[in-house]
Amino acid sequence: MFGTSERPRLVVYRSLKYIYGQIVDDTQQKTLVGASNLSKEIRDEVAKAKSKVEASRIVGRYIAKLAQEKNIKKIKFDRNGYKYHGRVKALAEGAREGGLEF
């Protein structure tokens, strides 16, 4: 999968405790936006989440908010080999709720 400046890709990485998302433009080799459940701006909201899935949805909404600020509306979703289930699905749904199209 390859992200362009018109349609960058949202890359997901998850560990046992955390989930990370980055919007990447592969043509310029730049990370445009990045967030995780360790991000300072949403740390309190993530701490109140009852599960990792709920925290992932919060991260997805935050990534969408940051993308909207940089005028990014359409993306490609790169699940990075993870199944589209659980926390990865929650992050994607949160990004869609925030206004991203993919």
N, C-alpha and C. Protein backbone atom coordinates (compact mmCIF):
# COMPACT_ATOMS: atom_id res chain seq x y z
N MET A 1 0.85 -1.16 0.00
CA MET A 1 0.00 0.00 0.00
C MET A 1 0.91 1.24 0.00
N PHE A 2 0.49 2.23 -0.74
CA PHE A 2 1.30 3.42 -0.93
C PHE A 2 0.42 4.64 -0.76
N GLY A 3 0.78 5.56 0.12
CA GLY A 3 0.02 6.78 0.33
C GLY A 3 0.59 7.93 -0.48
N THR A 4 -0.30 8.74 -1.03
CA THR A 4 0.11 9.90 -1.82
C THR A 4 -0.27 11.17 -1.06
N SER A 5 0.10 12.32 -1.62
CA SER A 5 -0.26 13.58 -0.96
C SER A 5 -1.76 13.83 -1.05
N GLU A 6 -2.44 13.31 -2.12
CA GLU A 6 -3.89 13.47 -2.22
C GLU A 6 -4.62 12.51 -1.28
N ARG A 7 -4.04 11.32 -1.08
CA ARG A 7 -4.67 10.30 -0.25
C ARG A 7 -3.59 9.56 0.56
N PRO A 8 -3.16 10.16 1.67
CA PRO A 8 -2.13 9.51 2.49
C PRO A 8 -2.71 8.27 3.19
N ARG A 9 -1.83 7.48 3.79
CA ARG A 9 -2.32 6.26 4.45
C ARG A 9 -2.22 6.38 5.96
N LEU A 10 -3.20 5.82 6.62
CA LEU A 10 -3.24 5.74 8.07
C LEU A 10 -2.69 4.37 8.47
N VAL A 11 -1.51 4.36 9.07
CA VAL A 11 -0.84 3.13 9.47
C VAL A 11 -1.12 2.87 10.94
N VAL A 12 -1.48 1.63 11.25
CA VAL A 12 -1.78 1.25 12.63
C VAL A 12 -0.71 0.31 13.15
N TYR A 13 -0.27 0.55 14.37
CA TYR A 13 0.60 -0.39 15.07
C TYR A 13 0.01 -0.59 16.45
N ARG A 14 -0.05 -1.83 16.88
CA ARG A 14 -0.54 -2.08 18.23
C ARG A 14 0.42 -3.00 18.97
N SER A 15 0.59 -2.73 20.25
CA SER A 15 1.34 -3.61 21.12
C SER A 15 0.35 -4.18 22.12
N LEU A 16 0.82 -4.88 23.11
CA LEU A 16 -0.09 -5.46 24.09
C LEU A 16 -0.81 -4.38 24.92
N LYS A 17 -0.13 -3.25 25.16
CA LYS A 17 -0.72 -2.19 25.99
C LYS A 17 -1.21 -0.98 25.21
N TYR A 18 -0.54 -0.65 24.11
CA TYR A 18 -0.78 0.62 23.44
C TYR A 18 -1.18 0.42 21.98
N ILE A 19 -1.76 1.47 21.40
CA ILE A 19 -2.06 1.49 19.98
C ILE A 19 -1.60 2.82 19.41
N TYR A 20 -1.02 2.78 18.24
CA TYR A 20 -0.45 3.96 17.59
C TYR A 20 -1.05 4.11 16.19
N GLY A 21 -1.23 5.33 15.75
CA GLY A 21 -1.68 5.60 14.39
C GLY A 21 -0.90 6.77 13.81
N GLN A 22 -0.49 6.62 12.55
CA GLN A 22 0.22 7.69 11.87
C GLN A 22 -0.37 7.86 10.48
N ILE A 23 -0.52 9.08 10.05
CA ILE A 23 -0.91 9.36 8.67
C ILE A 23 0.36 9.74 7.94
N VAL A 24 0.67 8.97 6.89
CA VAL A 24 1.96 9.06 6.20
C VAL A 24 1.76 9.38 4.73
N ASP A 25 2.58 10.30 4.22
CA ASP A 25 2.66 10.58 2.79
C ASP A 25 3.93 9.92 2.28
N ASP A 26 3.77 8.81 1.54
CA ASP A 26 4.93 8.05 1.09
C ASP A 26 5.70 8.73 -0.03
N THR A 27 5.05 9.59 -0.81
CA THR A 27 5.78 10.26 -1.89
C THR A 27 6.81 11.23 -1.35
N GLN A 28 6.47 11.92 -0.26
CA GLN A 28 7.40 12.85 0.37
C GLN A 28 8.17 12.22 1.53
N GLN A 29 7.82 10.99 1.86
CA GLN A 29 8.42 10.26 2.98
C GLN A 29 8.31 11.05 4.28
N LYS A 30 7.07 11.49 4.58
CA LYS A 30 6.81 12.30 5.77
C LYS A 30 5.64 11.73 6.56
N THR A 31 5.76 11.84 7.87
CA THR A 31 4.63 11.57 8.75
C THR A 31 3.89 12.88 8.94
N LEU A 32 2.64 12.94 8.53
CA LEU A 32 1.87 14.17 8.60
C LEU A 32 1.23 14.34 9.98
N VAL A 33 0.70 13.25 10.52
CA VAL A 33 0.00 13.27 11.80
C VAL A 33 0.29 11.97 12.52
N GLY A 34 0.44 12.04 13.81
CA GLY A 34 0.64 10.83 14.59
C GLY A 34 0.03 10.96 15.98
N ALA A 35 -0.50 9.85 16.51
CA ALA A 35 -1.07 9.87 17.85
C ALA A 35 -1.09 8.45 18.40
N SER A 36 -1.19 8.37 19.71
CA SER A 36 -1.34 7.09 20.38
C SER A 36 -2.09 7.32 21.68
N ASN A 37 -2.33 6.24 22.41
CA ASN A 37 -2.99 6.45 23.69
C ASN A 37 -2.03 6.98 24.74
N LEU A 38 -0.82 7.30 24.35
CA LEU A 38 0.15 7.97 25.22
C LEU A 38 0.22 9.47 24.95
N SER A 39 -0.52 9.96 23.94
CA SER A 39 -0.49 11.38 23.59
C SER A 39 -0.99 12.23 24.76
N LYS A 40 -0.27 13.30 25.04
CA LYS A 40 -0.58 14.14 26.19
C LYS A 40 -1.99 14.72 26.15
N GLU A 41 -2.43 15.11 24.96
CA GLU A 41 -3.71 15.80 24.82
C GLU A 41 -4.90 14.92 25.18
N ILE A 42 -4.78 13.62 24.99
CA ILE A 42 -5.92 12.73 25.26
C ILE A 42 -5.64 11.74 26.40
N ARG A 43 -4.55 11.90 27.08
CA ARG A 43 -4.15 10.95 28.13
C ARG A 43 -5.23 10.81 29.21
N ASP A 44 -5.83 11.93 29.64
CA ASP A 44 -6.85 11.87 30.69
C ASP A 44 -8.09 11.13 30.21
N GLU A 45 -8.50 11.42 28.98
CA GLU A 45 -9.69 10.77 28.41
C GLU A 45 -9.45 9.27 28.23
N VAL A 46 -8.24 8.90 27.82
CA VAL A 46 -7.90 7.48 27.65
C VAL A 46 -7.87 6.77 29.01
N ALA A 47 -7.41 7.46 30.04
CA ALA A 47 -7.35 6.87 31.38
C ALA A 47 -8.75 6.54 31.90
N LYS A 48 -9.75 7.30 31.49
CA LYS A 48 -11.13 7.06 31.91
C LYS A 48 -11.80 5.95 31.12
N ALA A 49 -11.20 5.54 30.01
CA ALA A 49 -11.78 4.49 29.17
C ALA A 49 -11.83 3.18 29.95
N LYS A 50 -12.89 2.42 29.73
CA LYS A 50 -13.09 1.18 30.47
C LYS A 50 -12.35 0.00 29.86
N SER A 51 -11.95 0.13 28.59
CA SER A 51 -11.26 -0.98 27.92
C SER A 51 -10.26 -0.44 26.91
N LYS A 52 -9.42 -1.31 26.41
CA LYS A 52 -8.46 -0.92 25.38
C LYS A 52 -9.17 -0.59 24.07
N VAL A 53 -10.29 -1.25 23.81
CA VAL A 53 -11.06 -0.99 22.59
C VAL A 53 -11.61 0.44 22.63
N GLU A 54 -12.15 0.82 23.76
CA GLU A 54 -12.68 2.18 23.92
C GLU A 54 -11.57 3.22 23.79
N ALA A 55 -10.41 2.92 24.35
CA ALA A 55 -9.26 3.83 24.23
C ALA A 55 -8.82 3.95 22.78
N SER A 56 -8.88 2.86 22.03
CA SER A 56 -8.50 2.89 20.61
C SER A 56 -9.45 3.78 19.81
N ARG A 57 -10.72 3.74 20.14
CA ARG A 57 -11.70 4.61 19.46
C ARG A 57 -11.38 6.08 19.73
N ILE A 58 -10.99 6.39 20.95
CA ILE A 58 -10.61 7.77 21.31
C ILE A 58 -9.39 8.21 20.50
N VAL A 59 -8.42 7.33 20.36
CA VAL A 59 -7.22 7.64 19.57
C VAL A 59 -7.61 7.88 18.11
N GLY A 60 -8.51 7.08 17.57
CA GLY A 60 -8.97 7.27 16.19
C GLY A 60 -9.63 8.61 15.99
N ARG A 61 -10.47 9.01 16.93
CA ARG A 61 -11.12 10.33 16.83
C ARG A 61 -10.10 11.46 16.91
N TYR A 62 -9.09 11.27 17.74
CA TYR A 62 -8.06 12.31 17.88
C TYR A 62 -7.21 12.41 16.61
N ILE A 63 -6.87 11.29 16.01
CA ILE A 63 -6.13 11.31 14.74
C ILE A 63 -6.94 12.03 13.67
N ALA A 64 -8.25 11.76 13.64
CA ALA A 64 -9.12 12.43 12.66
C ALA A 64 -9.14 13.94 12.89
N LYS A 65 -9.17 14.35 14.15
CA LYS A 65 -9.18 15.78 14.48
C LYS A 65 -7.88 16.44 14.00
N LEU A 66 -6.75 15.79 14.26
CA LEU A 66 -5.47 16.33 13.81
C LEU A 66 -5.39 16.39 12.28
N ALA A 67 -5.94 15.37 11.63
CA ALA A 67 -5.93 15.33 10.16
C ALA A 67 -6.80 16.45 9.59
N GLN A 68 -7.95 16.71 10.20
CA GLN A 68 -8.83 17.78 9.73
C GLN A 68 -8.14 19.13 9.83
N GLU A 69 -7.33 19.30 10.87
CA GLU A 69 -6.59 20.56 11.02
C GLU A 69 -5.57 20.75 9.90
N LYS A 70 -5.09 19.65 9.31
CA LYS A 70 -4.13 19.72 8.20
C LYS A 70 -4.82 19.53 6.85
N ASN A 71 -6.14 19.67 6.83
CA ASN A 71 -6.96 19.55 5.62
C ASN A 71 -6.83 18.19 4.93
N ILE A 72 -6.74 17.14 5.72
CA ILE A 72 -6.73 15.78 5.20
C ILE A 72 -8.11 15.19 5.46
N LYS A 73 -8.78 14.79 4.37
CA LYS A 73 -10.12 14.24 4.51
C LYS A 73 -10.21 12.80 4.04
N LYS A 74 -9.45 12.45 3.01
CA LYS A 74 -9.49 11.10 2.45
C LYS A 74 -8.15 10.41 2.69
N ILE A 75 -8.22 9.18 3.18
CA ILE A 75 -7.01 8.42 3.47
C ILE A 75 -7.17 6.98 2.99
N LYS A 76 -6.08 6.26 3.01
CA LYS A 76 -6.08 4.81 2.83
C LYS A 76 -5.80 4.22 4.21
N PHE A 77 -6.47 3.12 4.53
CA PHE A 77 -6.29 2.51 5.85
C PHE A 77 -5.36 1.31 5.72
N ASP A 78 -4.21 1.39 6.37
CA ASP A 78 -3.22 0.32 6.36
C ASP A 78 -3.22 -0.33 7.74
N ARG A 79 -3.83 -1.51 7.84
CA ARG A 79 -3.93 -2.18 9.13
C ARG A 79 -2.66 -2.91 9.50
N ASN A 80 -1.65 -2.85 8.62
CA ASN A 80 -0.31 -3.34 8.92
C ASN A 80 -0.27 -4.83 9.24
N GLY A 81 -1.15 -5.60 8.59
CA GLY A 81 -1.16 -7.04 8.78
C GLY A 81 -2.03 -7.53 9.92
N TYR A 82 -2.55 -6.61 10.74
CA TYR A 82 -3.43 -7.00 11.84
C TYR A 82 -4.83 -7.28 11.30
N LYS A 83 -5.54 -8.20 11.95
CA LYS A 83 -6.92 -8.47 11.56
C LYS A 83 -7.78 -7.24 11.85
N TYR A 84 -8.77 -7.01 11.00
CA TYR A 84 -9.69 -5.89 11.19
C TYR A 84 -10.71 -6.31 12.24
N HIS A 85 -10.29 -6.22 13.49
CA HIS A 85 -11.10 -6.71 14.59
C HIS A 85 -10.61 -6.06 15.88
N GLY A 86 -11.47 -5.88 16.83
CA GLY A 86 -11.06 -5.37 18.14
C GLY A 86 -10.53 -3.96 18.11
N ARG A 87 -9.29 -3.78 18.58
CA ARG A 87 -8.72 -2.44 18.73
C ARG A 87 -8.44 -1.78 17.39
N VAL A 88 -8.03 -2.54 16.39
CA VAL A 88 -7.76 -1.97 15.06
C VAL A 88 -9.07 -1.46 14.45
N LYS A 89 -10.12 -2.25 14.57
CA LYS A 89 -11.43 -1.84 14.06
C LYS A 89 -11.95 -0.61 14.81
N ALA A 90 -11.74 -0.57 16.12
CA ALA A 90 -12.19 0.57 16.92
C ALA A 90 -11.47 1.85 16.52
N LEU A 91 -10.17 1.77 16.25
CA LEU A 91 -9.42 2.94 15.80
C LEU A 91 -9.97 3.43 14.46
N ALA A 92 -10.24 2.50 13.55
CA ALA A 92 -10.79 2.88 12.24
C ALA A 92 -12.17 3.52 12.38
N GLU A 93 -13.01 2.95 13.23
CA GLU A 93 -14.34 3.53 13.42
C GLU A 93 -14.26 4.90 14.07
N GLY A 94 -13.34 5.08 15.00
CA GLY A 94 -13.14 6.39 15.61
C GLY A 94 -12.68 7.42 14.60
N ALA A 95 -11.81 7.01 13.69
CA ALA A 95 -11.34 7.92 12.64
C ALA A 95 -12.50 8.29 11.71
N ARG A 96 -13.35 7.33 11.40
CA ARG A 96 -14.52 7.63 10.56
C ARG A 96 -15.48 8.57 11.27
N GLU A 97 -15.69 8.35 12.57
CA GLU A 97 -16.56 9.24 13.36
C GLU A 97 -16.00 10.66 13.36
N GLY A 98 -14.69 10.78 13.33
CA GLY A 98 -14.04 12.10 13.33
C GLY A 98 -14.08 12.79 11.98
N GLY A 99 -14.52 12.09 10.92
CA GLY A 99 -14.68 12.73 9.62
C GLY A 99 -13.77 12.26 8.52
N LEU A 100 -12.90 11.28 8.78
CA LEU A 100 -12.03 10.77 7.72
C LEU A 100 -12.78 9.79 6.83
N GLU A 101 -12.46 9.80 5.55
CA GLU A 101 -13.08 8.90 4.59
C GLU A 101 -12.06 7.91 4.08
N PHE A 102 -12.42 6.62 4.14
CA PHE A 102 -11.59 5.56 3.56
C PHE A 102 -12.41 4.35 3.27
